[in-house]
C-alpha cells in the first residue's frame, strides 16, 4: 500500500523532533519569547511578527536534521 509508506516516513521524522529541538534550544526559546511578547498586548498575533526568529529556528532544524542523517 503506497499510503502506508508516507505515514511511516512521517512518523520517523516526528520521532527525531525531540532531538532536533534539543539541539536548537536557544533558537526555540528566542522564538517563544518573541511570540509571547508580540501577543502580550493584544489577543491577536500579527503575521510575520517573529519571522526573523522563526527563520533562525527553521535553519537550525535543517542543519540539525542534516547532521543526524
PDB file of N, CA and C in Angstrom:
ATOM      1  N   UNK A   1       0.830  -1.175   0.000  1.00  0.00           N
ATOM      2  CA  UNK A   1       0.000   0.000   0.000  1.00  0.00           C
ATOM      3  C   UNK A   1       0.883   1.250   0.000  1.00  0.00           C
ATOM      4  N   UNK A   2       0.788   2.126  -0.999  1.00  0.00           N
ATOM      5  CA  UNK A   2       1.657   3.296  -1.080  1.00  0.00           C
ATOM      6  C   UNK A   2       1.421   4.301   0.055  1.00  0.00           C
ATOM      7  N   UNK A   3       0.209   4.432   0.523  1.00  0.00           N
ATOM      8  CA  UNK A   3      -0.086   5.385   1.593  1.00  0.00           C
ATOM      9  C   UNK A   3       0.596   5.042   2.899  1.00  0.00           C
ATOM     10  N   UNK A   4       0.820   3.772   3.121  1.00  0.00           N
ATOM     11  CA  UNK A   4       1.462   3.323   4.360  1.00  0.00           C
ATOM     12  C   UNK A   4       2.896   3.849   4.463  1.00  0.00           C
ATOM     13  N   UNK A   5       3.614   3.852   3.362  1.00  0.00           N
ATOM     14  CA  UNK A   5       4.989   4.351   3.361  1.00  0.00           C
ATOM     15  C   UNK A   5       5.067   5.816   3.766  1.00  0.00           C
ATOM     16  N   UNK A   6       4.100   6.588   3.334  1.00  0.00           N
ATOM     17  CA  UNK A   6       4.069   8.007   3.687  1.00  0.00           C
ATOM     18  C   UNK A   6       3.961   8.173   5.198  1.00  0.00           C
ATOM     19  N   UNK A   7       3.095   7.419   5.812  1.00  0.00           N
ATOM     20  CA  UNK A   7       2.910   7.520   7.261  1.00  0.00           C
ATOM     21  C   UNK A   7       4.130   7.022   8.017  1.00  0.00           C
ATOM     22  N   UNK A   8       4.775   6.001   7.527  1.00  0.00           N
ATOM     23  CA  UNK A   8       5.984   5.507   8.180  1.00  0.00           C
ATOM     24  C   UNK A   8       7.101   6.544   8.147  1.00  0.00           C
ATOM     25  N   UNK A   9       7.255   7.204   7.009  1.00  0.00           N
ATOM     26  CA  UNK A   9       8.274   8.256   6.907  1.00  0.00           C
ATOM     27  C   UNK A   9       7.929   9.440   7.795  1.00  0.00           C
ATOM     28  N   UNK A  10       6.663   9.812   7.850  1.00  0.00           N
ATOM     29  CA  UNK A  10       6.242  10.928   8.705  1.00  0.00           C
ATOM     30  C   UNK A  10       6.491  10.606  10.175  1.00  0.00           C
ATOM     31  N   UNK A  11       6.185   9.397  10.588  1.00  0.00           N
ATOM     32  CA  UNK A  11       6.436   9.004  11.980  1.00  0.00           C
ATOM     33  C   UNK A  11       7.918   9.014  12.306  1.00  0.00           C
ATOM     34  N   UNK A  12       8.728   8.584  11.373  1.00  0.00           N
ATOM     35  CA  UNK A  12      10.176   8.589  11.592  1.00  0.00           C
ATOM     36  C   UNK A  12      10.689  10.013  11.781  1.00  0.00           C
ATOM     37  N   UNK A  13      10.180  10.944  10.983  1.00  0.00           N
ATOM     38  CA  UNK A  13      10.584  12.350  11.136  1.00  0.00           C
ATOM     39  C   UNK A  13      10.120  12.895  12.476  1.00  0.00           C
ATOM     40  N   UNK A  14       8.909  12.563  12.883  1.00  0.00           N
ATOM     41  CA  UNK A  14       8.397  13.058  14.160  1.00  0.00           C
ATOM     42  C   UNK A  14       9.167  12.484  15.346  1.00  0.00           C
ATOM     43  N   UNK A  15       9.659  11.273  15.224  1.00  0.00           N
ATOM     44  CA  UNK A  15      10.458  10.679  16.304  1.00  0.00           C
ATOM     45  C   UNK A  15      11.772  11.426  16.486  1.00  0.00           C
ATOM     46  N   UNK A  16      12.288  12.023  15.427  1.00  0.00           N
ATOM     47  CA  UNK A  16      13.539  12.779  15.503  1.00  0.00           C
ATOM     48  C   UNK A  16      13.345  14.172  16.076  1.00  0.00           C
ATOM     49  N   UNK A  17      12.118  14.661  16.140  1.00  0.00           N
ATOM     50  CA  UNK A  17      11.847  16.034  16.535  1.00  0.00           C
ATOM     51  C   UNK A  17      12.403  16.401  17.913  1.00  0.00           C
ATOM     52  N   UNK A  18      12.226  15.592  18.960  1.00  0.00           N
ATOM     53  CA  UNK A  18      12.766  15.978  20.272  1.00  0.00           C
ATOM     54  C   UNK A  18      14.282  16.197  20.263  1.00  0.00           C
ATOM     55  N   UNK A  19      15.009  15.368  19.550  1.00  0.00           N
ATOM     56  CA  UNK A  19      16.463  15.538  19.476  1.00  0.00           C
ATOM     57  C   UNK A  19      16.821  16.815  18.723  1.00  0.00           C
ATOM     58  N   UNK A  20      16.081  17.111  17.670  1.00  0.00           N
ATOM     59  CA  UNK A  20      16.335  18.344  16.918  1.00  0.00           C
ATOM     60  C   UNK A  20      16.015  19.565  17.771  1.00  0.00           C
ATOM     61  N   UNK A  21      14.931  19.491  18.517  1.00  0.00           N
ATOM     62  CA  UNK A  21      14.551  20.600  19.381  1.00  0.00           C
ATOM     63  C   UNK A  21      15.599  20.824  20.459  1.00  0.00           C
ATOM     64  N   UNK A  22      16.168  19.746  20.962  1.00  0.00           N
ATOM     65  CA  UNK A  22      17.221  19.862  21.978  1.00  0.00           C
ATOM     66  C   UNK A  22      18.439  20.590  21.414  1.00  0.00           C
ATOM     67  N   UNK A  23      18.772  20.306  20.176  1.00  0.00           N
ATOM     68  CA  UNK A  23      19.923  20.965  19.542  1.00  0.00           C
ATOM     69  C   UNK A  23      19.654  22.437  19.230  1.00  0.00           C
ATOM     70  N   UNK A  24      18.398  22.800  19.118  1.00  0.00           N
ATOM     71  CA  UNK A  24      18.033  24.167  18.729  1.00  0.00           C
ATOM     72  C   UNK A  24      17.308  24.891  19.859  1.00  0.00           C
ATOM     73  N   UNK A  25      17.682  24.604  21.067  1.00  0.00           N
ATOM     74  CA  UNK A  25      17.001  25.178  22.229  1.00  0.00           C
ATOM     75  C   UNK A  25      17.065  26.687  22.290  1.00  0.00           C
ATOM     76  N   UNK A  26      18.204  27.268  21.970  1.00  0.00           N
ATOM     77  CA  UNK A  26      18.324  28.727  22.024  1.00  0.00           C
ATOM     78  C   UNK A  26      17.395  29.394  21.015  1.00  0.00           C
ATOM     79  N   UNK A  27      17.365  28.860  19.806  1.00  0.00           N
ATOM     80  CA  UNK A  27      16.507  29.444  18.770  1.00  0.00           C
ATOM     81  C   UNK A  27      15.036  29.244  19.111  1.00  0.00           C
ATOM     82  N   UNK A  28      14.687  28.090  19.672  1.00  0.00           N
ATOM     83  CA  UNK A  28      13.297  27.830  20.062  1.00  0.00           C
ATOM     84  C   UNK A  28      12.876  28.764  21.177  1.00  0.00           C
ATOM     85  N   UNK A  29      13.771  29.007  22.128  1.00  0.00           N
ATOM     86  CA  UNK A  29      13.465  29.927  23.225  1.00  0.00           C
ATOM     87  C   UNK A  29      13.290  31.351  22.718  1.00  0.00           C
ATOM     88  N   UNK A  30      14.162  31.766  21.811  1.00  0.00           N
ATOM     89  CA  UNK A  30      14.061  33.115  21.249  1.00  0.00           C
ATOM     90  C   UNK A  30      12.741  33.290  20.501  1.00  0.00           C
ATOM     91  N   UNK A  31      12.355  32.282  19.737  1.00  0.00           N
ATOM     92  CA  UNK A  31      11.088  32.350  19.016  1.00  0.00           C
ATOM     93  C   UNK A  31       9.906  32.383  19.988  1.00  0.00           C
ATOM     94  N   UNK A  32       9.952  31.558  21.009  1.00  0.00           N
ATOM     95  CA  UNK A  32       8.881  31.554  22.008  1.00  0.00           C
ATOM     96  C   UNK A  32       8.765  32.879  22.733  1.00  0.00           C
ATOM     97  N   UNK A  33       9.897  33.470  23.096  1.00  0.00           N
ATOM     98  CA  UNK A  33       9.872  34.775  23.758  1.00  0.00           C
ATOM     99  C   UNK A  33       9.278  35.833  22.842  1.00  0.00           C
ATOM    100  N   UNK A  34       9.648  35.787  21.570  1.00  0.00           N
ATOM    101  CA  UNK A  34       9.129  36.759  20.610  1.00  0.00           C
ATOM    102  C   UNK A  34       7.618  36.626  20.456  1.00  0.00           C
ATOM    103  N   UNK A  35       7.135  35.405  20.314  1.00  0.00           N
ATOM    104  CA  UNK A  35       5.695  35.177  20.169  1.00  0.00           C
ATOM    105  C   UNK A  35       4.963  35.642  21.426  1.00  0.00           C
ATOM    106  N   UNK A  36       5.503  35.339  22.596  1.00  0.00           N
ATOM    107  CA  UNK A  36       4.875  35.755  23.846  1.00  0.00           C
ATOM    108  C   UNK A  36       4.838  37.278  23.956  1.00  0.00           C
ATOM    109  N   UNK A  37       5.936  37.929  23.601  1.00  0.00           N
ATOM    110  CA  UNK A  37       5.988  39.388  23.682  1.00  0.00           C
ATOM    111  C   UNK A  37       5.066  40.040  22.651  1.00  0.00           C
ATOM    112  N   UNK A  38       5.016  39.473  21.463  1.00  0.00           N
ATOM    113  CA  UNK A  38       4.189  40.047  20.395  1.00  0.00           C
ATOM    114  C   UNK A  38       2.704  39.884  20.681  1.00  0.00           C
ATOM    115  N   UNK A  39       2.329  38.849  21.407  1.00  0.00           N
ATOM    116  CA  UNK A  39       0.910  38.630  21.674  1.00  0.00           C
ATOM    117  C   UNK A  39       0.496  39.101  23.059  1.00  0.00           C
ATOM    118  N   UNK A  40       1.423  39.640  23.843  1.00  0.00           N
ATOM    119  CA  UNK A  40       1.109  40.056  25.206  1.00  0.00           C
ATOM    120  C   UNK A  40       0.154  41.244  25.239  1.00  0.00           C
ATOM    121  N   UNK A  41       0.299  42.166  24.317  1.00  0.00           N
ATOM    122  CA  UNK A  41      -0.517  43.367  24.342  1.00  0.00           C
ATOM    123  C   UNK A  41      -1.869  43.227  23.673  1.00  0.00           C
ATOM    124  N   UNK A  42      -2.065  42.159  22.916  1.00  0.00           N
ATOM    125  CA  UNK A  42      -3.333  42.014  22.211  1.00  0.00           C
ATOM    126  C   UNK A  42      -3.724  40.543  22.152  1.00  0.00           C
ATOM    127  N   UNK A  43      -4.934  40.312  21.712  1.00  0.00           N
ATOM    128  CA  UNK A  43      -5.423  38.939  21.597  1.00  0.00           C
ATOM    129  C   UNK A  43      -4.939  38.280  20.311  1.00  0.00           C
ATOM    130  N   UNK A  44      -4.457  39.088  19.363  1.00  0.00           N
ATOM    131  CA  UNK A  44      -4.025  38.549  18.079  1.00  0.00           C
ATOM    132  C   UNK A  44      -2.526  38.703  17.905  1.00  0.00           C
ATOM    133  N   UNK A  45      -1.957  37.760  17.201  1.00  0.00           N
ATOM    134  CA  UNK A  45      -0.548  37.805  16.854  1.00  0.00           C
ATOM    135  C   UNK A  45      -0.438  38.284  15.417  1.00  0.00           C
ATOM    136  N   UNK A  46       0.330  39.353  15.206  1.00  0.00           N
ATOM    137  CA  UNK A  46       0.474  39.921  13.874  1.00  0.00           C
ATOM    138  C   UNK A  46       1.309  38.985  12.992  1.00  0.00           C
ATOM    139  N   UNK A  47       0.886  38.811  11.762  1.00  0.00           N
ATOM    140  CA  UNK A  47       1.630  37.958  10.827  1.00  0.00           C
ATOM    141  C   UNK A  47       3.038  38.505  10.627  1.00  0.00           C
ATOM    142  N   UNK A  48       3.997  37.633  10.578  1.00  0.00           N
ATOM    143  CA  UNK A  48       5.407  37.974  10.387  1.00  0.00           C
ATOM    144  C   UNK A  48       5.999  38.792  11.531  1.00  0.00           C
ATOM    145  N   UNK A  49       5.360  38.759  12.695  1.00  0.00           N
ATOM    146  CA  UNK A  49       5.886  39.494  13.844  1.00  0.00           C
ATOM    147  C   UNK A  49       7.221  38.913  14.291  1.00  0.00           C
ATOM    148  N   UNK A  50       7.394  37.628  14.163  1.00  0.00           N
ATOM    149  CA  UNK A  50       8.613  36.951  14.638  1.00  0.00           C
ATOM    150  C   UNK A  50       9.281  36.170  13.520  1.00  0.00           C
ATOM    151  N   UNK A  51       9.220  36.705  12.326  1.00  0.00           N
ATOM    152  CA  UNK A  51       9.729  35.980  11.167  1.00  0.00           C
ATOM    153  C   UNK A  51      11.238  35.741  11.274  1.00  0.00           C
ATOM    154  N   UNK A  52      11.981  36.700  11.799  1.00  0.00           N
ATOM    155  CA  UNK A  52      13.426  36.529  11.917  1.00  0.00           C
ATOM    156  C   UNK A  52      13.767  35.369  12.858  1.00  0.00           C
ATOM    157  N   UNK A  53      13.084  35.308  14.001  1.00  0.00           N
ATOM    158  CA  UNK A  53      13.316  34.236  14.969  1.00  0.00           C
ATOM    159  C   UNK A  53      12.861  32.888  14.414  1.00  0.00           C
ATOM    160  N   UNK A  54      11.735  32.890  13.691  1.00  0.00           N
ATOM    161  CA  UNK A  54      11.242  31.649  13.101  1.00  0.00           C
ATOM    162  C   UNK A  54      12.219  31.112  12.067  1.00  0.00           C
ATOM    163  N   UNK A  55      12.743  31.989  11.232  1.00  0.00           N
ATOM    164  CA  UNK A  55      13.699  31.539  10.210  1.00  0.00           C
ATOM    165  C   UNK A  55      14.970  30.994  10.838  1.00  0.00           C
ATOM    166  N   UNK A  56      15.424  31.618  11.932  1.00  0.00           N
ATOM    167  CA  UNK A  56      16.608  31.109  12.624  1.00  0.00           C
ATOM    168  C   UNK A  56      16.340  29.705  13.166  1.00  0.00           C
ATOM    169  N   UNK A  57      15.149  29.490  13.728  1.00  0.00           N
ATOM    170  CA  UNK A  57      14.777  28.172  14.232  1.00  0.00           C
ATOM    171  C   UNK A  57      14.668  27.164  13.090  1.00  0.00           C
ATOM    172  N   UNK A  58      14.072  27.569  12.007  1.00  0.00           N
ATOM    173  CA  UNK A  58      13.919  26.696  10.845  1.00  0.00           C
ATOM    174  C   UNK A  58      15.282  26.292  10.279  1.00  0.00           C
ATOM    175  N   UNK A  59      16.204  27.234  10.178  1.00  0.00           N
ATOM    176  CA  UNK A  59      17.543  26.931   9.680  1.00  0.00           C
ATOM    177  C   UNK A  59      18.293  25.996  10.632  1.00  0.00           C
ATOM    178  N   UNK A  60      18.115  26.210  11.934  1.00  0.00           N
ATOM    179  CA  UNK A  60      18.759  25.334  12.909  1.00  0.00           C
ATOM    180  C   UNK A  60      18.222  23.910  12.781  1.00  0.00           C
ATOM    181  N   UNK A  61      16.911  23.763  12.648  1.00  0.00           N
ATOM    182  CA  UNK A  61      16.323  22.433  12.461  1.00  0.00           C
ATOM    183  C   UNK A  61      16.891  21.766  11.211  1.00  0.00           C
ATOM    184  N   UNK A  62      17.012  22.517  10.130  1.00  0.00           N
ATOM    185  CA  UNK A  62      17.529  21.953   8.879  1.00  0.00           C
ATOM    186  C   UNK A  62      18.975  21.494   9.050  1.00  0.00           C
ATOM    187  N   UNK A  63      19.803  22.315   9.720  1.00  0.00           N
ATOM    188  CA  UNK A  63      21.200  21.921   9.944  1.00  0.00           C
ATOM    189  C   UNK A  63      21.266  20.695  10.857  1.00  0.00           C
ATOM    190  N   UNK A  64      20.474  20.676  11.907  1.00  0.00           N
ATOM    191  CA  UNK A  64      20.488  19.550  12.848  1.00  0.00           C
ATOM    192  C   UNK A  64      20.002  18.275  12.166  1.00  0.00           C
ATOM    193  N   UNK A  65      18.979  18.387  11.339  1.00  0.00           N
ATOM    194  CA  UNK A  65      18.455  17.217  10.638  1.00  0.00           C
ATOM    195  C   UNK A  65      19.476  16.670   9.649  1.00  0.00           C
ATOM    196  N   UNK A  66      20.175  17.561   8.966  1.00  0.00           N
ATOM    197  CA  UNK A  66      21.198  17.121   8.008  1.00  0.00           C
ATOM    198  C   UNK A  66      22.362  16.444   8.726  1.00  0.00           C
ATOM    199  N   UNK A  67      22.670  16.907   9.919  1.00  0.00           N
ATOM    200  CA  UNK A  67      23.785  16.340  10.677  1.00  0.00           C
ATOM    201  C   UNK A  67      23.445  14.959  11.245  1.00  0.00           C
ATOM    202  N   UNK A  68      22.167  14.664  11.442  1.00  0.00           N
ATOM    203  CA  UNK A  68      21.781  13.380  12.044  1.00  0.00           C
ATOM    204  C   UNK A  68      21.483  12.304  11.011  1.00  0.00           C
ATOM    205  N   UNK A  69      21.530  12.614   9.749  1.00  0.00           N
ATOM    206  CA  UNK A  69      21.216  11.626   8.712  1.00  0.00           C
ATOM    207  C   UNK A  69      22.318  10.646   8.520  1.00  0.00           C
TER     208      UNK A  69
END
